[in-house]
Each structure stands twice: as structure tokens, then as C-alpha cells.
Amino acid sequence: MSLISENVIPGNHGKVFETNAKQLEDLELIKNAALRVDGVENVIIDADTYPKQFTVQTSKLVEVITIENEINKTGFHAIPKSIFPL
């Protein structure tokens, strides 16, 4: 694992997560849970994809596991999209 795969790097690029939530209300619940994590500035929901995705933008280095654990409390999963080496 690396710094990039285990953390959300600060800035406007963020990290994309996939979730098993399907309803807009559930996606809003996930957004609010992610925003409770210290350092998370913004959560952008992409409800037009399958599976549903959201992007987390931070103001400081935030561990992916911290975001996953907070969202798991809602009953849904947050799985970061990973970078595949070529």
C-alpha cells in the first residue's frame, strides 16, 4: 500500500468511493457521515453511475479507513476506487 492508496490527499481532486446505497436519501446520509470526519471539506455525490459513487475532498491528509468506518456506521459501505499499475 502507499500514501496515495491509503489516504485522501488534500485538494480539489479528492478520492472517489463506491457505495452500495441506492436511494438519494441514503446517499445524503453517507454524505453527512463523511462530513463528520475531521478534515473532510466536501462530498460530491454522483448518483448517475452504477454502482453509486461519491468524491471526498479534504483540507488535510485523511486516512481512507477513517472515512470507511464512519460510513459503515450508517449501514452502507464505502469502497475506494483504486489505482491499478500498468
PDB file of N, CA and C in Angstrom:
ATOM      1  N   MET A   1       0.835  -1.172   0.000  1.00  0.00           N
ATOM      2  CA  MET A   1       0.000   0.000   0.000  1.00  0.00           C
ATOM      3  C   MET A   1       0.884   1.241   0.000  1.00  0.00           C
ATOM      4  N   SER A   2       0.286   2.349  -0.383  1.00  0.00           N
ATOM      5  CA  SER A   2       1.066   3.575  -0.494  1.00  0.00           C
ATOM      6  C   SER A   2       0.313   4.740   0.138  1.00  0.00           C
ATOM      7  N   LEU A   3       0.999   5.856   0.212  1.00  0.00           N
ATOM      8  CA  LEU A   3       0.400   7.069   0.761  1.00  0.00           C
ATOM      9  C   LEU A   3      -0.872   7.424   0.001  1.00  0.00           C
ATOM     10  N   ILE A   4      -0.835   7.309  -1.312  1.00  0.00           N
ATOM     11  CA  ILE A   4      -1.981   7.698  -2.140  1.00  0.00           C
ATOM     12  C   ILE A   4      -3.143   6.718  -1.986  1.00  0.00           C
ATOM     13  N   SER A   5      -2.864   5.437  -1.894  1.00  0.00           N
ATOM     14  CA  SER A   5      -3.960   4.467  -1.819  1.00  0.00           C
ATOM     15  C   SER A   5      -4.595   4.386  -0.431  1.00  0.00           C
ATOM     16  N   GLU A   6      -3.864   4.744   0.616  1.00  0.00           N
ATOM     17  CA  GLU A   6      -4.380   4.623   1.977  1.00  0.00           C
ATOM     18  C   GLU A   6      -4.906   5.927   2.559  1.00  0.00           C
ATOM     19  N   ASN A   7      -4.770   7.034   1.819  1.00  0.00           N
ATOM     20  CA  ASN A   7      -5.162   8.346   2.330  1.00  0.00           C
ATOM     21  C   ASN A   7      -5.867   9.155   1.253  1.00  0.00           C
ATOM     22  N   VAL A   8      -6.635  10.138   1.708  1.00  0.00           N
ATOM     23  CA  VAL A   8      -7.198  11.131   0.795  1.00  0.00           C
ATOM     24  C   VAL A   8      -6.281  12.339   0.887  1.00  0.00           C
ATOM     25  N   ILE A   9      -5.699  12.703  -0.241  1.00  0.00           N
ATOM     26  CA  ILE A   9      -4.749  13.800  -0.309  1.00  0.00           C
ATOM     27  C   ILE A   9      -5.527  15.118  -0.352  1.00  0.00           C
ATOM     28  N   PRO A  10      -5.103  16.131   0.402  1.00  0.00           N
ATOM     29  CA  PRO A  10      -5.812  17.418   0.398  1.00  0.00           C
ATOM     30  C   PRO A  10      -5.857  18.048  -0.993  1.00  0.00           C
ATOM     31  N   GLY A  11      -6.935  18.755  -1.254  1.00  0.00           N
ATOM     32  CA  GLY A  11      -7.073  19.452  -2.529  1.00  0.00           C
ATOM     33  C   GLY A  11      -8.423  19.187  -3.160  1.00  0.00           C
ATOM     34  N   ASN A  12      -8.591  19.714  -4.367  1.00  0.00           N
ATOM     35  CA  ASN A  12      -9.896  19.613  -5.022  1.00  0.00           C
ATOM     36  C   ASN A  12     -10.069  18.343  -5.847  1.00  0.00           C
ATOM     37  N   HIS A  13      -9.026  17.523  -5.985  1.00  0.00           N
ATOM     38  CA  HIS A  13      -9.163  16.277  -6.742  1.00  0.00           C
ATOM     39  C   HIS A  13      -9.914  15.226  -5.923  1.00  0.00           C
ATOM     40  N   GLY A  14      -9.522  15.041  -4.680  1.00  0.00           N
ATOM     41  CA  GLY A  14     -10.207  14.118  -3.788  1.00  0.00           C
ATOM     42  C   GLY A  14     -10.003  12.666  -4.136  1.00  0.00           C
ATOM     43  N   LYS A  15     -10.817  11.814  -3.530  1.00  0.00           N
ATOM     44  CA  LYS A  15     -10.783  10.374  -3.781  1.00  0.00           C
ATOM     45  C   LYS A  15     -12.211   9.907  -4.022  1.00  0.00           C
ATOM     46  N   VAL A  16     -12.364   9.038  -5.012  1.00  0.00           N
ATOM     47  CA  VAL A  16     -13.675   8.514  -5.386  1.00  0.00           C
ATOM     48  C   VAL A  16     -13.920   7.204  -4.640  1.00  0.00           C
ATOM     49  N   PHE A  17     -15.112   7.095  -4.070  1.00  0.00           N
ATOM     50  CA  PHE A  17     -15.553   5.885  -3.382  1.00  0.00           C
ATOM     51  C   PHE A  17     -16.801   5.363  -4.081  1.00  0.00           C
ATOM     52  N   GLU A  18     -16.988   4.039  -4.030  1.00  0.00           N
ATOM     53  CA  GLU A  18     -18.226   3.422  -4.489  1.00  0.00           C
ATOM     54  C   GLU A  18     -19.000   2.970  -3.260  1.00  0.00           C
ATOM     55  N   THR A  19     -20.325   2.910  -3.404  1.00  0.00           N
ATOM     56  CA  THR A  19     -21.161   2.515  -2.270  1.00  0.00           C
ATOM     57  C   THR A  19     -22.306   1.625  -2.729  1.00  0.00           C
ATOM     58  N   ASN A  20     -22.848   0.870  -1.790  1.00  0.00           N
ATOM     59  CA  ASN A  20     -23.994   0.017  -2.088  1.00  0.00           C
ATOM     60  C   ASN A  20     -25.323   0.731  -1.854  1.00  0.00           C
ATOM     61  N   ALA A  21     -25.285   1.995  -1.453  1.00  0.00           N
ATOM     62  CA  ALA A  21     -26.515   2.776  -1.283  1.00  0.00           C
ATOM     63  C   ALA A  21     -27.142   3.038  -2.653  1.00  0.00           C
ATOM     64  N   LYS A  22     -28.461   3.040  -2.704  1.00  0.00           N
ATOM     65  CA  LYS A  22     -29.144   3.237  -3.985  1.00  0.00           C
ATOM     66  C   LYS A  22     -30.049   4.462  -3.996  1.00  0.00           C
ATOM     67  N   GLN A  23     -30.679   4.758  -2.873  1.00  0.00           N
ATOM     68  CA  GLN A  23     -31.624   5.868  -2.798  1.00  0.00           C
ATOM     69  C   GLN A  23     -30.908   7.179  -2.503  1.00  0.00           C
ATOM     70  N   LEU A  24     -31.478   8.285  -2.996  1.00  0.00           N
ATOM     71  CA  LEU A  24     -30.882   9.596  -2.750  1.00  0.00           C
ATOM     72  C   LEU A  24     -30.809   9.927  -1.262  1.00  0.00           C
ATOM     73  N   GLU A  25     -31.817   9.504  -0.495  1.00  0.00           N
ATOM     74  CA  GLU A  25     -31.796   9.761   0.946  1.00  0.00           C
ATOM     75  C   GLU A  25     -30.614   9.054   1.605  1.00  0.00           C
ATOM     76  N   ASP A  26     -30.331   7.842   1.132  1.00  0.00           N
ATOM     77  CA  ASP A  26     -29.206   7.081   1.677  1.00  0.00           C
ATOM     78  C   ASP A  26     -27.878   7.730   1.304  1.00  0.00           C
ATOM     79  N   LEU A  27     -27.793   8.254   0.089  1.00  0.00           N
ATOM     80  CA  LEU A  27     -26.571   8.939  -0.344  1.00  0.00           C
ATOM     81  C   LEU A  27     -26.346  10.210   0.472  1.00  0.00           C
ATOM     82  N   GLU A  28     -27.426  10.900   0.821  1.00  0.00           N
ATOM     83  CA  GLU A  28     -27.307  12.087   1.678  1.00  0.00           C
ATOM     84  C   GLU A  28     -26.843  11.695   3.082  1.00  0.00           C
ATOM     85  N   LEU A  29     -27.320  10.557   3.562  1.00  0.00           N
ATOM     86  CA  LEU A  29     -26.885  10.042   4.858  1.00  0.00           C
ATOM     87  C   LEU A  29     -25.380   9.760   4.842  1.00  0.00           C
ATOM     88  N   ILE A  30     -24.907   9.169   3.757  1.00  0.00           N
ATOM     89  CA  ILE A  30     -23.476   8.895   3.589  1.00  0.00           C
ATOM     90  C   ILE A  30     -22.691  10.197   3.522  1.00  0.00           C
ATOM     91  N   LYS A  31     -23.213  11.163   2.788  1.00  0.00           N
ATOM     92  CA  LYS A  31     -22.540  12.462   2.676  1.00  0.00           C
ATOM     93  C   LYS A  31     -22.380  13.103   4.054  1.00  0.00           C
ATOM     94  N   ASN A  32     -23.447  13.112   4.837  1.00  0.00           N
ATOM     95  CA  ASN A  32     -23.392  13.707   6.176  1.00  0.00           C
ATOM     96  C   ASN A  32     -22.426  12.962   7.090  1.00  0.00           C
ATOM     97  N   ALA A  33     -22.372  11.634   6.954  1.00  0.00           N
ATOM     98  CA  ALA A  33     -21.435  10.846   7.765  1.00  0.00           C
ATOM     99  C   ALA A  33     -19.995  11.183   7.399  1.00  0.00           C
ATOM    100  N   ALA A  34     -19.710  11.299   6.115  1.00  0.00           N
ATOM    101  CA  ALA A  34     -18.351  11.624   5.674  1.00  0.00           C
ATOM    102  C   ALA A  34     -17.949  13.021   6.130  1.00  0.00           C
ATOM    103  N   LEU A  35     -18.890  13.952   6.115  1.00  0.00           N
ATOM    104  CA  LEU A  35     -18.584  15.325   6.532  1.00  0.00           C
ATOM    105  C   LEU A  35     -18.287  15.433   8.027  1.00  0.00           C
ATOM    106  N   ARG A  36     -18.668  14.436   8.805  1.00  0.00           N
ATOM    107  CA  ARG A  36     -18.350  14.431  10.239  1.00  0.00           C
ATOM    108  C   ARG A  36     -16.879  14.117  10.510  1.00  0.00           C
ATOM    109  N   VAL A  37     -16.189  13.551   9.521  1.00  0.00           N
ATOM    110  CA  VAL A  37     -14.774  13.205   9.693  1.00  0.00           C
ATOM    111  C   VAL A  37     -13.944  14.481   9.668  1.00  0.00           C
ATOM    112  N   ASP A  38     -13.062  14.629  10.649  1.00  0.00           N
ATOM    113  CA  ASP A  38     -12.188  15.797  10.739  1.00  0.00           C
ATOM    114  C   ASP A  38     -11.313  15.890   9.493  1.00  0.00           C
ATOM    115  N   GLY A  39     -11.367  17.026   8.818  1.00  0.00           N
ATOM    116  CA  GLY A  39     -10.565  17.252   7.623  1.00  0.00           C
ATOM    117  C   GLY A  39     -11.339  17.137   6.324  1.00  0.00           C
ATOM    118  N   VAL A  40     -12.521  16.518   6.356  1.00  0.00           N
ATOM    119  CA  VAL A  40     -13.329  16.398   5.141  1.00  0.00           C
ATOM    120  C   VAL A  40     -14.039  17.721   4.907  1.00  0.00           C
ATOM    121  N   GLU A  41     -13.793  18.313   3.729  1.00  0.00           N
ATOM    122  CA  GLU A  41     -14.372  19.618   3.384  1.00  0.00           C
ATOM    123  C   GLU A  41     -15.643  19.504   2.559  1.00  0.00           C
ATOM    124  N   ASN A  42     -15.653  18.542   1.630  1.00  0.00           N
ATOM    125  CA  ASN A  42     -16.747  18.474   0.673  1.00  0.00           C
ATOM    126  C   ASN A  42     -16.952  17.030   0.245  1.00  0.00           C
ATOM    127  N   VAL A  43     -18.207  16.677  -0.031  1.00  0.00           N
ATOM    128  CA  VAL A  43     -18.548  15.362  -0.563  1.00  0.00           C
ATOM    129  C   VAL A  43     -19.455  15.590  -1.761  1.00  0.00           C
ATOM    130  N   ILE A  44     -19.030  15.088  -2.912  1.00  0.00           N
ATOM    131  CA  ILE A  44     -19.792  15.253  -4.156  1.00  0.00           C
ATOM    132  C   ILE A  44     -20.377  13.895  -4.532  1.00  0.00           C
ATOM    133  N   ILE A  45     -21.697  13.827  -4.617  1.00  0.00           N
ATOM    134  CA  ILE A  45     -22.387  12.579  -4.938  1.00  0.00           C
ATOM    135  C   ILE A  45     -22.610  12.487  -6.442  1.00  0.00           C
ATOM    136  N   ASP A  46     -22.288  11.321  -7.008  1.00  0.00           N
ATOM    137  CA  ASP A  46     -22.570  11.046  -8.414  1.00  0.00           C
ATOM    138  C   ASP A  46     -23.609   9.929  -8.456  1.00  0.00           C
ATOM    139  N   ALA A  47     -24.874  10.318  -8.483  1.00  0.00           N
ATOM    140  CA  ALA A  47     -25.972   9.356  -8.421  1.00  0.00           C
ATOM    141  C   ALA A  47     -26.308   8.753  -9.779  1.00  0.00           C
ATOM    142  N   ASP A  48     -25.635   9.198 -10.843  1.00  0.00           N
ATOM    143  CA  ASP A  48     -25.936   8.704 -12.184  1.00  0.00           C
ATOM    144  C   ASP A  48     -25.102   7.495 -12.579  1.00  0.00           C
ATOM    145  N   THR A  49     -24.205   7.042 -11.722  1.00  0.00           N
ATOM    146  CA  THR A  49     -23.349   5.904 -12.047  1.00  0.00           C
ATOM    147  C   THR A  49     -23.875   4.649 -11.366  1.00  0.00           C
ATOM    148  N   TYR A  50     -23.389   3.524 -11.832  1.00  0.00           N
ATOM    149  CA  TYR A  50     -23.666   2.264 -11.145  1.00  0.00           C
ATOM    150  C   TYR A  50     -22.366   1.508 -11.001  1.00  0.00           C
ATOM    151  N   PRO A  51     -21.976   1.132  -9.807  1.00  0.00           N
ATOM    152  CA  PRO A  51     -22.613   1.487  -8.548  1.00  0.00           C
ATOM    153  C   PRO A  51     -22.460   2.973  -8.255  1.00  0.00           C
ATOM    154  N   LYS A  52     -23.267   3.467  -7.345  1.00  0.00           N
ATOM    155  CA  LYS A  52     -23.231   4.893  -6.988  1.00  0.00           C
ATOM    156  C   LYS A  52     -21.843   5.253  -6.466  1.00  0.00           C
ATOM    157  N   GLN A  53     -21.432   6.491  -6.762  1.00  0.00           N
ATOM    158  CA  GLN A  53     -20.111   6.953  -6.353  1.00  0.00           C
ATOM    159  C   GLN A  53     -20.217   8.303  -5.666  1.00  0.00           C
ATOM    160  N   PHE A  54     -19.211   8.594  -4.855  1.00  0.00           N
ATOM    161  CA  PHE A  54     -19.086   9.924  -4.275  1.00  0.00           C
ATOM    162  C   PHE A  54     -17.608  10.249  -4.151  1.00  0.00           C
ATOM    163  N   THR A  55     -17.303  11.533  -4.254  1.00  0.00           N
ATOM    164  CA  THR A  55     -15.931  12.013  -4.164  1.00  0.00           C
ATOM    165  C   THR A  55     -15.773  12.784  -2.865  1.00  0.00           C
ATOM    166  N   VAL A  56     -14.724  12.457  -2.126  1.00  0.00           N
ATOM    167  CA  VAL A  56     -14.432  13.127  -0.862  1.00  0.00           C
ATOM    168  C   VAL A  56     -13.231  14.040  -1.070  1.00  0.00           C
ATOM    169  N   GLN A  57     -13.410  15.320  -0.744  1.00  0.00           N
ATOM    170  CA  GLN A  57     -12.327  16.302  -0.817  1.00  0.00           C
ATOM    171  C   GLN A  57     -11.978  16.727   0.599  1.00  0.00           C
ATOM    172  N   THR A  58     -10.676  16.858   0.869  1.00  0.00           N
ATOM    173  CA  THR A  58     -10.230  17.148   2.231  1.00  0.00           C
ATOM    174  C   THR A  58      -9.336  18.378   2.288  1.00  0.00           C
ATOM    175  N   SER A  59      -9.193  18.902   3.504  1.00  0.00           N
ATOM    176  CA  SER A  59      -8.306  20.036   3.742  1.00  0.00           C
ATOM    177  C   SER A  59      -6.978  19.585   4.338  1.00  0.00           C
ATOM    178  N   LYS A  60      -6.912  18.312   4.728  1.00  0.00           N
ATOM    179  CA  LYS A  60      -5.674  17.743   5.255  1.00  0.00           C
ATOM    180  C   LYS A  60      -5.663  16.253   4.927  1.00  0.00           C
ATOM    181  N   LEU A  61      -4.550  15.598   5.175  1.00  0.00           N
ATOM    182  CA  LEU A  61      -4.421  14.173   4.914  1.00  0.00           C
ATOM    183  C   LEU A  61      -5.380  13.402   5.826  1.00  0.00           C
ATOM    184  N   VAL A  62      -6.270  12.606   5.229  1.00  0.00           N
ATOM    185  CA  VAL A  62      -7.249  11.825   5.987  1.00  0.00           C
ATOM    186  C   VAL A  62      -7.125  10.374   5.546  1.00  0.00           C
ATOM    187  N   GLU A  63      -7.043   9.462   6.514  1.00  0.00           N
ATOM    188  CA  GLU A  63      -6.943   8.046   6.184  1.00  0.00           C
ATOM    189  C   GLU A  63      -8.266   7.531   5.616  1.00  0.00           C
ATOM    190  N   VAL A  64      -8.168   6.718   4.579  1.00  0.00           N
ATOM    191  CA  VAL A  64      -9.342   6.125   3.944  1.00  0.00           C
ATOM    192  C   VAL A  64     -10.128   5.300   4.959  1.00  0.00           C
ATOM    193  N   ILE A  65      -9.442   4.562   5.812  1.00  0.00           N
ATOM    194  CA  ILE A  65     -10.112   3.706   6.791  1.00  0.00           C
ATOM    195  C   ILE A  65     -10.988   4.513   7.745  1.00  0.00           C
ATOM    196  N   THR A  66     -10.603   5.738   8.048  1.00  0.00           N
ATOM    197  CA  THR A  66     -11.403   6.601   8.922  1.00  0.00           C
ATOM    198  C   THR A  66     -12.736   6.934   8.260  1.00  0.00           C
ATOM    199  N   ILE A  67     -12.687   7.249   6.976  1.00  0.00           N
ATOM    200  CA  ILE A  67     -13.909   7.553   6.220  1.00  0.00           C
ATOM    201  C   ILE A  67     -14.770   6.299   6.098  1.00  0.00           C
ATOM    202  N   GLU A  68     -14.148   5.167   5.774  1.00  0.00           N
ATOM    203  CA  GLU A  68     -14.886   3.909   5.651  1.00  0.00           C
ATOM    204  C   GLU A  68     -15.607   3.563   6.956  1.00  0.00           C
ATOM    205  N   ASN A  69     -14.915   3.688   8.073  1.00  0.00           N
ATOM    206  CA  ASN A  69     -15.515   3.345   9.369  1.00  0.00           C
ATOM    207  C   ASN A  69     -16.695   4.244   9.714  1.00  0.00           C
ATOM    208  N   GLU A  70     -16.584   5.530   9.417  1.00  0.00           N
ATOM    209  CA  GLU A  70     -17.680   6.461   9.714  1.00  0.00           C
ATOM    210  C   GLU A  70     -18.906   6.137   8.859  1.00  0.00           C
ATOM    211  N   ILE A  71     -18.687   5.807   7.600  1.00  0.00           N
ATOM    212  CA  ILE A  71     -19.803   5.486   6.705  1.00  0.00           C
ATOM    213  C   ILE A  71     -20.396   4.120   7.042  1.00  0.00           C
ATOM    214  N   ASN A  72     -19.570   3.179   7.491  1.00  0.00           N
ATOM    215  CA  ASN A  72     -20.083   1.864   7.886  1.00  0.00           C
ATOM    216  C   ASN A  72     -21.100   1.969   9.015  1.00  0.00           C
ATOM    217  N   LYS A  73     -21.000   3.003   9.839  1.00  0.00           N
ATOM    218  CA  LYS A  73     -21.956   3.213  10.930  1.00  0.00           C
ATOM    219  C   LYS A  73     -23.368   3.464  10.405  1.00  0.00           C
ATOM    220  N   THR A  74     -23.489   3.903   9.146  1.00  0.00           N
ATOM    221  CA  THR A  74     -24.801   4.160   8.548  1.00  0.00           C
ATOM    222  C   THR A  74     -25.448   2.883   8.022  1.00  0.00           C
ATOM    223  N   GLY A  75     -24.673   1.796   7.959  1.00  0.00           N
ATOM    224  CA  GLY A  75     -25.178   0.543   7.410  1.00  0.00           C
ATOM    225  C   GLY A  75     -24.815   0.342   5.952  1.00  0.00           C
ATOM    226  N   PHE A  76     -24.074   1.271   5.383  1.00  0.00           N
ATOM    227  CA  PHE A  76     -23.640   1.174   3.994  1.00  0.00           C
ATOM    228  C   PHE A  76     -22.125   1.036   3.933  1.00  0.00           C
ATOM    229  N   HIS A  77     -21.642   0.694   2.759  1.00  0.00           N
ATOM    230  CA  HIS A  77     -20.205   0.524   2.564  1.00  0.00           C
ATOM    231  C   HIS A  77     -19.646   1.668   1.735  1.00  0.00           C
ATOM    232  N   ALA A  78     -18.374   1.967   1.953  1.00  0.00           N
ATOM    233  CA  ALA A  78     -17.630   2.929   1.139  1.00  0.00           C
ATOM    234  C   ALA A  78     -16.350   2.233   0.713  1.00  0.00           C
ATOM    235  N   ILE A  79     -16.214   1.988  -0.580  1.00  0.00           N
ATOM    236  CA  ILE A  79     -15.048   1.284  -1.100  1.00  0.00           C
ATOM    237  C   ILE A  79     -14.296   2.227  -2.027  1.00  0.00           C
ATOM    238  N   PRO A  80     -13.048   2.554  -1.690  1.00  0.00           N
ATOM    239  CA  PRO A  80     -12.296   3.481  -2.543  1.00  0.00           C
ATOM    240  C   PRO A  80     -11.953   2.843  -3.877  1.00  0.00           C
ATOM    241  N   LYS A  81     -12.088   3.618  -4.938  1.00  0.00           N
ATOM    242  CA  LYS A  81     -11.641   3.149  -6.246  1.00  0.00           C
ATOM    243  C   LYS A  81     -10.123   3.208  -6.223  1.00  0.00           C
ATOM    244  N   SER A  82      -9.494   2.161  -6.678  1.00  0.00           N
ATOM    245  CA  SER A  82      -8.038   2.093  -6.572  1.00  0.00           C
ATOM    246  C   SER A  82      -7.373   2.361  -7.908  1.00  0.00           C
ATOM    247  N   ILE A  83      -6.093   2.645  -7.803  1.00  0.00           N
ATOM    248  CA  ILE A  83      -5.264   2.879  -8.979  1.00  0.00           C
ATOM    249  C   ILE A  83      -4.594   1.561  -9.325  1.00  0.00           C
ATOM    250  N   PHE A  84      -4.768   1.113 -10.557  1.00  0.00           N
ATOM    251  CA  PHE A  84      -4.150  -0.129 -10.983  1.00  0.00           C
ATOM    252  C   PHE A  84      -2.864   0.168 -11.732  1.00  0.00           C
ATOM    253  N   PRO A  85      -1.743  -0.415 -11.281  1.00  0.00           N
ATOM    254  CA  PRO A  85      -0.484  -0.193 -12.004  1.00  0.00           C
ATOM    255  C   PRO A  85      -0.526  -0.892 -13.358  1.00  0.00           C
ATOM    256  N   LEU A  86       0.071  -0.270 -14.340  1.00  0.00           N
ATOM    257  CA  LEU A  86       0.110  -0.866 -15.679  1.00  0.00           C
ATOM    258  C   LEU A  86       1.369  -1.669 -15.868  1.00  0.00           C
TER     259      LEU A  86
END
